[in-house]
Amino acid sequence: YQQWAEKRDKAVQNGLKQKRLIHYADFTEYAGLITKADNWDEVFKGVFGRPESVRESFHRLGPVRLCTMHARPITKTEVMLASAEITRLLIAIDDSGDDN
């Protein structure tokens, strides 16, 4: 929390518009945030089902995210793997709110 607040404050000092605090979280922190015991039980368990699944998806996305954020080329295979993981996460998110 403190690190995000510091990132936010620095961004605002540099003239950027303040955003919600979660916007200052790093990609590598997302799986931990989602699977943290109280967050998992109260919010995410019903969305994703198993914490291992979330951790694995973010683990698989990590290398591709690293390449794209550092302007390195990614292979067609990496694009396909990333697409599959993103699709898995989006299906879980979409299905969790489906009242049909």
PDB file of N, CA and C in Angstrom:
ATOM      1  N   TYR A   1       0.826  -1.191   0.000  1.00  0.00           N
ATOM      2  CA  TYR A   1       0.000   0.000   0.000  1.00  0.00           C
ATOM      3  C   TYR A   1       0.868   1.252   0.000  1.00  0.00           C
ATOM      4  N   GLN A   2       1.869   1.251   0.877  1.00  0.00           N
ATOM      5  CA  GLN A   2       2.736   2.426   0.996  1.00  0.00           C
ATOM      6  C   GLN A   2       3.492   2.690  -0.303  1.00  0.00           C
ATOM      7  N   GLN A   3       3.978   1.635  -0.936  1.00  0.00           N
ATOM      8  CA  GLN A   3       4.704   1.800  -2.201  1.00  0.00           C
ATOM      9  C   GLN A   3       3.799   2.368  -3.288  1.00  0.00           C
ATOM     10  N   TRP A   4       2.560   1.919  -3.309  1.00  0.00           N
ATOM     11  CA  TRP A   4       1.629   2.445  -4.309  1.00  0.00           C
ATOM     12  C   TRP A   4       1.344   3.915  -4.053  1.00  0.00           C
ATOM     13  N   ALA A   5       1.173   4.268  -2.796  1.00  0.00           N
ATOM     14  CA  ALA A   5       0.924   5.667  -2.437  1.00  0.00           C
ATOM     15  C   ALA A   5       2.113   6.537  -2.843  1.00  0.00           C
ATOM     16  N   GLU A   6       3.320   6.027  -2.639  1.00  0.00           N
ATOM     17  CA  GLU A   6       4.516   6.779  -3.037  1.00  0.00           C
ATOM     18  C   GLU A   6       4.587   6.943  -4.558  1.00  0.00           C
ATOM     19  N   LYS A   7       4.266   5.883  -5.289  1.00  0.00           N
ATOM     20  CA  LYS A   7       4.239   5.975  -6.759  1.00  0.00           C
ATOM     21  C   LYS A   7       3.201   7.004  -7.211  1.00  0.00           C
ATOM     22  N   ARG A   8       2.034   6.967  -6.584  1.00  0.00           N
ATOM     23  CA  ARG A   8       0.971   7.912  -6.918  1.00  0.00           C
ATOM     24  C   ARG A   8       1.420   9.336  -6.650  1.00  0.00           C
ATOM     25  N   ASP A   9       1.994   9.570  -5.462  1.00  0.00           N
ATOM     26  CA  ASP A   9       2.426  10.913  -5.090  1.00  0.00           C
ATOM     27  C   ASP A   9       3.498  11.427  -6.041  1.00  0.00           C
ATOM     28  N   LYS A  10       4.409  10.562  -6.430  1.00  0.00           N
ATOM     29  CA  LYS A  10       5.472  10.953  -7.365  1.00  0.00           C
ATOM     30  C   LYS A  10       4.879  11.304  -8.730  1.00  0.00           C
ATOM     31  N   ALA A  11       3.929  10.510  -9.179  1.00  0.00           N
ATOM     32  CA  ALA A  11       3.284  10.783 -10.463  1.00  0.00           C
ATOM     33  C   ALA A  11       2.566  12.125 -10.445  1.00  0.00           C
ATOM     34  N   VAL A  12       1.846  12.384  -9.359  1.00  0.00           N
ATOM     35  CA  VAL A  12       1.119  13.649  -9.225  1.00  0.00           C
ATOM     36  C   VAL A  12       2.103  14.820  -9.178  1.00  0.00           C
ATOM     37  N   GLN A  13       3.210  14.659  -8.457  1.00  0.00           N
ATOM     38  CA  GLN A  13       4.231  15.706  -8.397  1.00  0.00           C
ATOM     39  C   GLN A  13       4.837  15.982  -9.771  1.00  0.00           C
ATOM     40  N   ASN A  14       4.840  14.968 -10.623  1.00  0.00           N
ATOM     41  CA  ASN A  14       5.361  15.124 -11.982  1.00  0.00           C
ATOM     42  C   ASN A  14       4.302  15.615 -12.960  1.00  0.00           C
ATOM     43  N   GLY A  15       3.156  16.022 -12.436  1.00  0.00           N
ATOM     44  CA  GLY A  15       2.136  16.638 -13.267  1.00  0.00           C
ATOM     45  C   GLY A  15       1.099  15.700 -13.845  1.00  0.00           C
ATOM     46  N   LEU A  16       1.134  14.430 -13.460  1.00  0.00           N
ATOM     47  CA  LEU A  16       0.147  13.490 -13.978  1.00  0.00           C
ATOM     48  C   LEU A  16      -1.116  13.527 -13.127  1.00  0.00           C
ATOM     49  N   LYS A  17      -2.225  13.184 -13.741  1.00  0.00           N
ATOM     50  CA  LYS A  17      -3.504  13.147 -13.039  1.00  0.00           C
ATOM     51  C   LYS A  17      -3.526  11.958 -12.074  1.00  0.00           C
ATOM     52  N   GLN A  18      -4.016  12.184 -10.878  1.00  0.00           N
ATOM     53  CA  GLN A  18      -4.109  11.126  -9.879  1.00  0.00           C
ATOM     54  C   GLN A  18      -5.154  10.102 -10.292  1.00  0.00           C
ATOM     55  N   LYS A  19      -4.796   8.834 -10.126  1.00  0.00           N
ATOM     56  CA  LYS A  19      -5.708   7.736 -10.432  1.00  0.00           C
ATOM     57  C   LYS A  19      -5.960   6.935  -9.156  1.00  0.00           C
ATOM     58  N   ARG A  20      -6.848   5.961  -9.255  1.00  0.00           N
ATOM     59  CA  ARG A  20      -7.101   5.090  -8.108  1.00  0.00           C
ATOM     60  C   ARG A  20      -5.817   4.375  -7.727  1.00  0.00           C
ATOM     61  N   LEU A  21      -5.657   4.077  -6.474  1.00  0.00           N
ATOM     62  CA  LEU A  21      -4.417   3.525  -5.945  1.00  0.00           C
ATOM     63  C   LEU A  21      -4.014   2.219  -6.625  1.00  0.00           C
ATOM     64  N   ILE A  22      -4.956   1.386  -6.983  1.00  0.00           N
ATOM     65  CA  ILE A  22      -4.644   0.105  -7.627  1.00  0.00           C
ATOM     66  C   ILE A  22      -3.905   0.310  -8.950  1.00  0.00           C
ATOM     67  N   HIS A  23      -4.065   1.454  -9.571  1.00  0.00           N
ATOM     68  CA  HIS A  23      -3.373   1.738 -10.831  1.00  0.00           C
ATOM     69  C   HIS A  23      -1.865   1.819 -10.651  1.00  0.00           C
ATOM     70  N   TYR A  24      -1.408   1.937  -9.436  1.00  0.00           N
ATOM     71  CA  TYR A  24       0.022   2.061  -9.171  1.00  0.00           C
ATOM     72  C   TYR A  24       0.641   0.726  -8.740  1.00  0.00           C
ATOM     73  N   ALA A  25      -0.151  -0.328  -8.732  1.00  0.00           N
ATOM     74  CA  ALA A  25       0.362  -1.665  -8.440  1.00  0.00           C
ATOM     75  C   ALA A  25       1.135  -2.168  -9.651  1.00  0.00           C
ATOM     76  N   ASP A  26       2.115  -2.974  -9.393  1.00  0.00           N
ATOM     77  CA  ASP A  26       2.926  -3.573 -10.445  1.00  0.00           C
ATOM     78  C   ASP A  26       2.303  -4.900 -10.876  1.00  0.00           C
ATOM     79  N   PHE A  27       2.470  -5.245 -12.135  1.00  0.00           N
ATOM     80  CA  PHE A  27       1.929  -6.505 -12.669  1.00  0.00           C
ATOM     81  C   PHE A  27       2.317  -7.700 -11.805  1.00  0.00           C
ATOM     82  N   THR A  28       3.553  -7.702 -11.328  1.00  0.00           N
ATOM     83  CA  THR A  28       4.042  -8.839 -10.546  1.00  0.00           C
ATOM     84  C   THR A  28       3.332  -8.960  -9.198  1.00  0.00           C
ATOM     85  N   GLU A  29       2.585  -7.961  -8.795  1.00  0.00           N
ATOM     86  CA  GLU A  29       1.872  -7.991  -7.519  1.00  0.00           C
ATOM     87  C   GLU A  29       0.434  -8.502  -7.645  1.00  0.00           C
ATOM     88  N   TYR A  30      -0.093  -8.572  -8.849  1.00  0.00           N
ATOM     89  CA  TYR A  30      -1.510  -8.900  -9.030  1.00  0.00           C
ATOM     90  C   TYR A  30      -1.894 -10.273  -8.487  1.00  0.00           C
ATOM     91  N   ALA A  31      -1.131 -11.302  -8.815  1.00  0.00           N
ATOM     92  CA  ALA A  31      -1.483 -12.648  -8.352  1.00  0.00           C
ATOM     93  C   ALA A  31      -1.497 -12.700  -6.834  1.00  0.00           C
ATOM     94  N   GLY A  32      -0.522 -12.073  -6.201  1.00  0.00           N
ATOM     95  CA  GLY A  32      -0.479 -12.049  -4.739  1.00  0.00           C
ATOM     96  C   GLY A  32      -1.648 -11.301  -4.134  1.00  0.00           C
ATOM     97  N   LEU A  33      -2.037 -10.216  -4.770  1.00  0.00           N
ATOM     98  CA  LEU A  33      -3.194  -9.455  -4.281  1.00  0.00           C
ATOM     99  C   LEU A  33      -4.478 -10.267  -4.380  1.00  0.00           C
ATOM    100  N   ILE A  34      -4.643 -10.926  -5.510  1.00  0.00           N
ATOM    101  CA  ILE A  34      -5.864 -11.699  -5.740  1.00  0.00           C
ATOM    102  C   ILE A  34      -5.934 -12.896  -4.804  1.00  0.00           C
ATOM    103  N   THR A  35      -4.807 -13.575  -4.605  1.00  0.00           N
ATOM    104  CA  THR A  35      -4.823 -14.810  -3.828  1.00  0.00           C
ATOM    105  C   THR A  35      -4.550 -14.610  -2.331  1.00  0.00           C
ATOM    106  N   LYS A  36      -4.322 -13.372  -1.924  1.00  0.00           N
ATOM    107  CA  LYS A  36      -4.147 -13.086  -0.491  1.00  0.00           C
ATOM    108  C   LYS A  36      -5.408 -13.570   0.232  1.00  0.00           C
ATOM    109  N   ALA A  37      -5.218 -14.242   1.347  1.00  0.00           N
ATOM    110  CA  ALA A  37      -6.301 -14.982   2.013  1.00  0.00           C
ATOM    111  C   ALA A  37      -7.608 -14.207   2.142  1.00  0.00           C
ATOM    112  N   ASP A  38      -7.569 -13.011   2.723  1.00  0.00           N
ATOM    113  CA  ASP A  38      -8.834 -12.294   2.924  1.00  0.00           C
ATOM    114  C   ASP A  38      -9.417 -11.811   1.601  1.00  0.00           C
ATOM    115  N   ASN A  39      -8.575 -11.357   0.686  1.00  0.00           N
ATOM    116  CA  ASN A  39      -9.076 -10.941  -0.627  1.00  0.00           C
ATOM    117  C   ASN A  39      -9.677 -12.128  -1.373  1.00  0.00           C
ATOM    118  N   TRP A  40      -8.980 -13.261  -1.294  1.00  0.00           N
ATOM    119  CA  TRP A  40      -9.443 -14.462  -1.994  1.00  0.00           C
ATOM    120  C   TRP A  40     -10.813 -14.891  -1.465  1.00  0.00           C
ATOM    121  N   ASP A  41     -10.910 -15.048  -0.168  1.00  0.00           N
ATOM    122  CA  ASP A  41     -12.152 -15.538   0.435  1.00  0.00           C
ATOM    123  C   ASP A  41     -13.325 -14.591   0.216  1.00  0.00           C
ATOM    124  N   GLU A  42     -13.076 -13.292   0.335  1.00  0.00           N
ATOM    125  CA  GLU A  42     -14.156 -12.315   0.277  1.00  0.00           C
ATOM    126  C   GLU A  42     -14.553 -11.911  -1.139  1.00  0.00           C
ATOM    127  N   VAL A  43     -13.593 -11.951  -2.078  1.00  0.00           N
ATOM    128  CA  VAL A  43     -13.860 -11.379  -3.395  1.00  0.00           C
ATOM    129  C   VAL A  43     -13.620 -12.347  -4.551  1.00  0.00           C
ATOM    130  N   PHE A  44     -12.479 -12.993  -4.570  1.00  0.00           N
ATOM    131  CA  PHE A  44     -12.022 -13.650  -5.791  1.00  0.00           C
ATOM    132  C   PHE A  44     -12.294 -15.145  -5.894  1.00  0.00           C
ATOM    133  N   LYS A  45     -12.553 -15.822  -4.801  1.00  0.00           N
ATOM    134  CA  LYS A  45     -12.774 -17.268  -4.845  1.00  0.00           C
ATOM    135  C   LYS A  45     -13.933 -17.629  -5.769  1.00  0.00           C
ATOM    136  N   GLY A  46     -15.015 -16.889  -5.666  1.00  0.00           N
ATOM    137  CA  GLY A  46     -16.169 -17.143  -6.511  1.00  0.00           C
ATOM    138  C   GLY A  46     -15.942 -16.803  -7.976  1.00  0.00           C
ATOM    139  N   VAL A  47     -14.923 -16.015  -8.245  1.00  0.00           N
ATOM    140  CA  VAL A  47     -14.613 -15.627  -9.626  1.00  0.00           C
ATOM    141  C   VAL A  47     -13.687 -16.648 -10.277  1.00  0.00           C
ATOM    142  N   PHE A  48     -12.608 -16.989  -9.605  1.00  0.00           N
ATOM    143  CA  PHE A  48     -11.561 -17.810 -10.217  1.00  0.00           C
ATOM    144  C   PHE A  48     -11.558 -19.266  -9.774  1.00  0.00           C
ATOM    145  N   GLY A  49     -12.216 -19.592  -8.674  1.00  0.00           N
ATOM    146  CA  GLY A  49     -12.298 -20.977  -8.237  1.00  0.00           C
ATOM    147  C   GLY A  49     -11.100 -21.480  -7.466  1.00  0.00           C
ATOM    148  N   ARG A  50      -9.943 -21.478  -8.082  1.00  0.00           N
ATOM    149  CA  ARG A  50      -8.740 -22.009  -7.440  1.00  0.00           C
ATOM    150  C   ARG A  50      -7.610 -20.988  -7.484  1.00  0.00           C
ATOM    151  N   PRO A  51      -6.963 -20.702  -6.358  1.00  0.00           N
ATOM    152  CA  PRO A  51      -5.875 -19.726  -6.362  1.00  0.00           C
ATOM    153  C   PRO A  51      -4.694 -20.170  -7.220  1.00  0.00           C
ATOM    154  N   GLU A  52      -4.475 -21.477  -7.303  1.00  0.00           N
ATOM    155  CA  GLU A  52      -3.370 -21.987  -8.120  1.00  0.00           C
ATOM    156  C   GLU A  52      -3.537 -21.603  -9.581  1.00  0.00           C
ATOM    157  N   SER A  53      -4.775 -21.603 -10.045  1.00  0.00           N
ATOM    158  CA  SER A  53      -5.065 -21.254 -11.426  1.00  0.00           C
ATOM    159  C   SER A  53      -4.681 -19.798 -11.715  1.00  0.00           C
ATOM    160  N   VAL A  54      -5.000 -18.918 -10.780  1.00  0.00           N
ATOM    161  CA  VAL A  54      -4.654 -17.501 -10.928  1.00  0.00           C
ATOM    162  C   VAL A  54      -3.143 -17.334 -10.933  1.00  0.00           C
ATOM    163  N   ARG A  55      -2.485 -17.961  -9.975  1.00  0.00           N
ATOM    164  CA  ARG A  55      -1.020 -17.853  -9.895  1.00  0.00           C
ATOM    165  C   ARG A  55      -0.360 -18.349 -11.176  1.00  0.00           C
ATOM    166  N   GLU A  56      -0.838 -19.468 -11.680  1.00  0.00           N
ATOM    167  CA  GLU A  56      -0.252 -20.042 -12.895  1.00  0.00           C
ATOM    168  C   GLU A  56      -0.478 -19.136 -14.107  1.00  0.00           C
ATOM    169  N   SER A  57      -1.653 -18.580 -14.235  1.00  0.00           N
ATOM    170  CA  SER A  57      -1.908 -17.669 -15.359  1.00  0.00           C
ATOM    171  C   SER A  57      -0.971 -16.467 -15.324  1.00  0.00           C
ATOM    172  N   PHE A  58      -0.829 -15.850 -14.172  1.00  0.00           N
ATOM    173  CA  PHE A  58       0.070 -14.699 -14.076  1.00  0.00           C
ATOM    174  C   PHE A  58       1.529 -15.103 -14.254  1.00  0.00           C
ATOM    175  N   HIS A  59       1.881 -16.298 -13.797  1.00  0.00           N
ATOM    176  CA  HIS A  59       3.240 -16.799 -14.001  1.00  0.00           C
ATOM    177  C   HIS A  59       3.528 -16.970 -15.493  1.00  0.00           C
ATOM    178  N   ARG A  60       2.577 -17.504 -16.228  1.00  0.00           N
ATOM    179  CA  ARG A  60       2.747 -17.703 -17.670  1.00  0.00           C
ATOM    180  C   ARG A  60       2.751 -16.378 -18.427  1.00  0.00           C
ATOM    181  N   LEU A  61       1.988 -15.416 -17.948  1.00  0.00           N
ATOM    182  CA  LEU A  61       1.937 -14.112 -18.619  1.00  0.00           C
ATOM    183  C   LEU A  61       3.171 -13.256 -18.351  1.00  0.00           C
ATOM    184  N   GLY A  62       3.846 -13.505 -17.258  1.00  0.00           N
ATOM    185  CA  GLY A  62       4.985 -12.690 -16.861  1.00  0.00           C
ATOM    186  C   GLY A  62       6.047 -12.484 -17.922  1.00  0.00           C
ATOM    187  N   PRO A  63       6.587 -13.547 -18.516  1.00  0.00           N
ATOM    188  CA  PRO A  63       7.642 -13.361 -19.514  1.00  0.00           C
ATOM    189  C   PRO A  63       7.193 -12.570 -20.749  1.00  0.00           C
ATOM    190  N   VAL A  64       5.974 -12.794 -21.187  1.00  0.00           N
ATOM    191  CA  VAL A  64       5.473 -12.062 -22.353  1.00  0.00           C
ATOM    192  C   VAL A  64       5.268 -10.599 -21.997  1.00  0.00           C
ATOM    193  N   ARG A  65       4.715 -10.352 -20.823  1.00  0.00           N
ATOM    194  CA  ARG A  65       4.533  -8.975 -20.363  1.00  0.00           C
ATOM    195  C   ARG A  65       5.871  -8.263 -20.282  1.00  0.00           C
ATOM    196  N   LEU A  66       6.884  -8.936 -19.771  1.00  0.00           N
ATOM    197  CA  LEU A  66       8.214  -8.349 -19.647  1.00  0.00           C
ATOM    198  C   LEU A  66       8.768  -7.947 -21.016  1.00  0.00           C
ATOM    199  N   CYS A  67       8.629  -8.825 -21.978  1.00  0.00           N
ATOM    200  CA  CYS A  67       9.107  -8.510 -23.336  1.00  0.00           C
ATOM    201  C   CYS A  67       8.377  -7.299 -23.917  1.00  0.00           C
ATOM    202  N   THR A  68       7.069  -7.297 -23.823  1.00  0.00           N
ATOM    203  CA  THR A  68       6.307  -6.210 -24.442  1.00  0.00           C
ATOM    204  C   THR A  68       6.551  -4.870 -23.764  1.00  0.00           C
ATOM    205  N   MET A  69       6.738  -4.888 -22.448  1.00  0.00           N
ATOM    206  CA  MET A  69       6.956  -3.632 -21.727  1.00  0.00           C
ATOM    207  C   MET A  69       8.371  -3.090 -21.903  1.00  0.00           C
ATOM    208  N   HIS A  70       9.264  -3.919 -22.420  1.00  0.00           N
ATOM    209  CA  HIS A  70      10.640  -3.485 -22.646  1.00  0.00           C
ATOM    210  C   HIS A  70      10.996  -3.497 -24.125  1.00  0.00           C
ATOM    211  N   ALA A  71       9.952  -3.422 -24.954  1.00  0.00           N
ATOM    212  CA  ALA A  71      10.085  -3.291 -26.405  1.00  0.00           C
ATOM    213  C   ALA A  71      10.916  -4.406 -27.041  1.00  0.00           C
ATOM    214  N   ARG A  72      10.802  -5.605 -26.479  1.00  0.00           N
ATOM    215  CA  ARG A  72      11.466  -6.756 -27.077  1.00  0.00           C
ATOM    216  C   ARG A  72      10.448  -7.506 -27.920  1.00  0.00           C
ATOM    217  N   PRO A  73      10.896  -8.097 -28.997  1.00  0.00           N
ATOM    218  CA  PRO A  73       9.949  -8.856 -29.828  1.00  0.00           C
ATOM    219  C   PRO A  73       9.454 -10.101 -29.108  1.00  0.00           C
ATOM    220  N   ILE A  74       8.236 -10.480 -29.424  1.00  0.00           N
ATOM    221  CA  ILE A  74       7.697 -11.723 -28.889  1.00  0.00           C
ATOM    222  C   ILE A  74       7.347 -12.631 -30.064  1.00  0.00           C
ATOM    223  N   THR A  75       7.425 -13.914 -29.833  1.00  0.00           N
ATOM    224  CA  THR A  75       7.168 -14.885 -30.894  1.00  0.00           C
ATOM    225  C   THR A  75       5.668 -15.118 -31.064  1.00  0.00           C
ATOM    226  N   LYS A  76       5.312 -15.738 -32.172  1.00  0.00           N
ATOM    227  CA  LYS A  76       3.909 -16.099 -32.399  1.00  0.00           C
ATOM    228  C   LYS A  76       3.430 -17.060 -31.317  1.00  0.00           C
ATOM    229  N   THR A  77       4.301 -17.957 -30.896  1.00  0.00           N
ATOM    230  CA  THR A  77       3.941 -18.900 -29.838  1.00  0.00           C
ATOM    231  C   THR A  77       3.657 -18.160 -28.540  1.00  0.00           C
ATOM    232  N   GLU A  78       4.481 -17.189 -28.193  1.00  0.00           N
ATOM    233  CA  GLU A  78       4.251 -16.406 -26.974  1.00  0.00           C
ATOM    234  C   GLU A  78       2.937 -15.635 -27.052  1.00  0.00           C
ATOM    235  N   VAL A  79       2.620 -15.115 -28.220  1.00  0.00           N
ATOM    236  CA  VAL A  79       1.353 -14.411 -28.409  1.00  0.00           C
ATOM    237  C   VAL A  79       0.184 -15.374 -28.189  1.00  0.00           C
ATOM    238  N   MET A  80       0.299 -16.573 -28.737  1.00  0.00           N
ATOM    239  CA  MET A  80      -0.769 -17.564 -28.573  1.00  0.00           C
ATOM    240  C   MET A  80      -0.920 -17.980 -27.114  1.00  0.00           C
ATOM    241  N   LEU A  81       0.195 -18.207 -26.434  1.00  0.00           N
ATOM    242  CA  LEU A  81       0.131 -18.591 -25.023  1.00  0.00           C
ATOM    243  C   LEU A  81      -0.467 -17.472 -24.174  1.00  0.00           C
ATOM    244  N   ALA A  82      -0.042 -16.247 -24.424  1.00  0.00           N
ATOM    245  CA  ALA A  82      -0.586 -15.107 -23.683  1.00  0.00           C
ATOM    246  C   ALA A  82      -2.072 -14.956 -23.955  1.00  0.00           C
ATOM    247  N   SER A  83      -2.456 -15.125 -25.202  1.00  0.00           N
ATOM    248  CA  SER A  83      -3.870 -15.023 -25.560  1.00  0.00           C
ATOM    249  C   SER A  83      -4.699 -16.069 -24.821  1.00  0.00           C
ATOM    250  N   ALA A  84      -4.174 -17.274 -24.726  1.00  0.00           N
ATOM    251  CA  ALA A  84      -4.890 -18.340 -24.017  1.00  0.00           C
ATOM    252  C   ALA A  84      -5.053 -18.001 -22.538  1.00  0.00           C
ATOM    253  N   GLU A  85      -3.998 -17.516 -21.894  1.00  0.00           N
ATOM    254  CA  GLU A  85      -4.078 -17.180 -20.467  1.00  0.00           C
ATOM    255  C   GLU A  85      -5.018 -16.006 -20.221  1.00  0.00           C
ATOM    256  N   ILE A  86      -4.922 -15.004 -21.066  1.00  0.00           N
ATOM    257  CA  ILE A  86      -5.815 -13.846 -20.928  1.00  0.00           C
ATOM    258  C   ILE A  86      -7.261 -14.284 -21.114  1.00  0.00           C
ATOM    259  N   THR A  87      -7.501 -15.152 -22.089  1.00  0.00           N
ATOM    260  CA  THR A  87      -8.849 -15.656 -22.333  1.00  0.00           C
ATOM    261  C   THR A  87      -9.363 -16.419 -21.119  1.00  0.00           C
ATOM    262  N   ARG A  88      -8.524 -17.259 -20.508  1.00  0.00           N
ATOM    263  CA  ARG A  88      -8.927 -17.992 -19.302  1.00  0.00           C
ATOM    264  C   ARG A  88      -9.359 -17.036 -18.201  1.00  0.00           C
ATOM    265  N   LEU A  89      -8.567 -15.988 -17.983  1.00  0.00           N
ATOM    266  CA  LEU A  89      -8.899 -15.018 -16.934  1.00  0.00           C
ATOM    267  C   LEU A  89     -10.178 -14.261 -17.267  1.00  0.00           C
ATOM    268  N   LEU A  90     -10.313 -13.850 -18.511  1.00  0.00           N
ATOM    269  CA  LEU A  90     -11.512 -13.096 -18.901  1.00  0.00           C
ATOM    270  C   LEU A  90     -12.773 -13.939 -18.836  1.00  0.00           C
ATOM    271  N   ILE A  91     -12.675 -15.208 -19.203  1.00  0.00           N
ATOM    272  CA  ILE A  91     -13.833 -16.096 -19.093  1.00  0.00           C
ATOM    273  C   ILE A  91     -14.267 -16.215 -17.634  1.00  0.00           C
ATOM    274  N   ALA A  92     -13.305 -16.373 -16.748  1.00  0.00           N
ATOM    275  CA  ALA A  92     -13.630 -16.466 -15.318  1.00  0.00           C
ATOM    276  C   ALA A  92     -14.300 -15.187 -14.836  1.00  0.00           C
ATOM    277  N   ILE A  93     -13.763 -14.066 -15.220  1.00  0.00           N
ATOM    278  CA  ILE A  93     -14.324 -12.782 -14.797  1.00  0.00           C
ATOM    279  C   ILE A  93     -15.724 -12.589 -15.378  1.00  0.00           C
ATOM    280  N   ASP A  94     -15.879 -12.910 -16.646  1.00  0.00           N
ATOM    281  CA  ASP A  94     -17.177 -12.733 -17.308  1.00  0.00           C
ATOM    282  C   ASP A  94     -18.224 -13.674 -16.729  1.00  0.00           C
ATOM    283  N   ASP A  95     -17.858 -14.935 -16.500  1.00  0.00           N
ATOM    284  CA  ASP A  95     -18.800 -15.916 -15.980  1.00  0.00           C
ATOM    285  C   ASP A  95     -19.216 -15.623 -14.542  1.00  0.00           C
ATOM    286  N   SER A  96     -18.364 -14.941 -13.796  1.00  0.00           N
ATOM    287  CA  SER A  96     -18.685 -14.714 -12.375  1.00  0.00           C
ATOM    288  C   SER A  96     -19.871 -13.792 -12.183  1.00  0.00           C
ATOM    289  N   GLY A  97     -20.149 -12.953 -13.155  1.00  0.00           N
ATOM    290  CA  GLY A  97     -21.256 -12.025 -13.013  1.00  0.00           C
ATOM    291  C   GLY A  97     -22.480 -12.427 -13.810  1.00  0.00           C
ATOM    292  N   ASP A  98     -22.426 -13.605 -14.406  1.00  0.00           N
ATOM    293  CA  ASP A  98     -23.508 -14.061 -15.267  1.00  0.00           C
ATOM    294  C   ASP A  98     -24.673 -14.612 -14.431  1.00  0.00           C
ATOM    295  N   ASP A  99     -25.821 -13.970 -14.538  1.00  0.00           N
ATOM    296  CA  ASP A  99     -26.993 -14.393 -13.776  1.00  0.00           C
ATOM    297  C   ASP A  99     -27.906 -15.311 -14.578  1.00  0.00           C
ATOM    298  N   ASN A 100     -27.520 -15.695 -15.783  1.00  0.00           N
ATOM    299  CA  ASN A 100     -28.368 -16.537 -16.610  1.00  0.00           C
ATOM    300  C   ASN A 100     -28.363 -17.974 -16.178  1.00  0.00           C
TER     301      ASN A 100
END
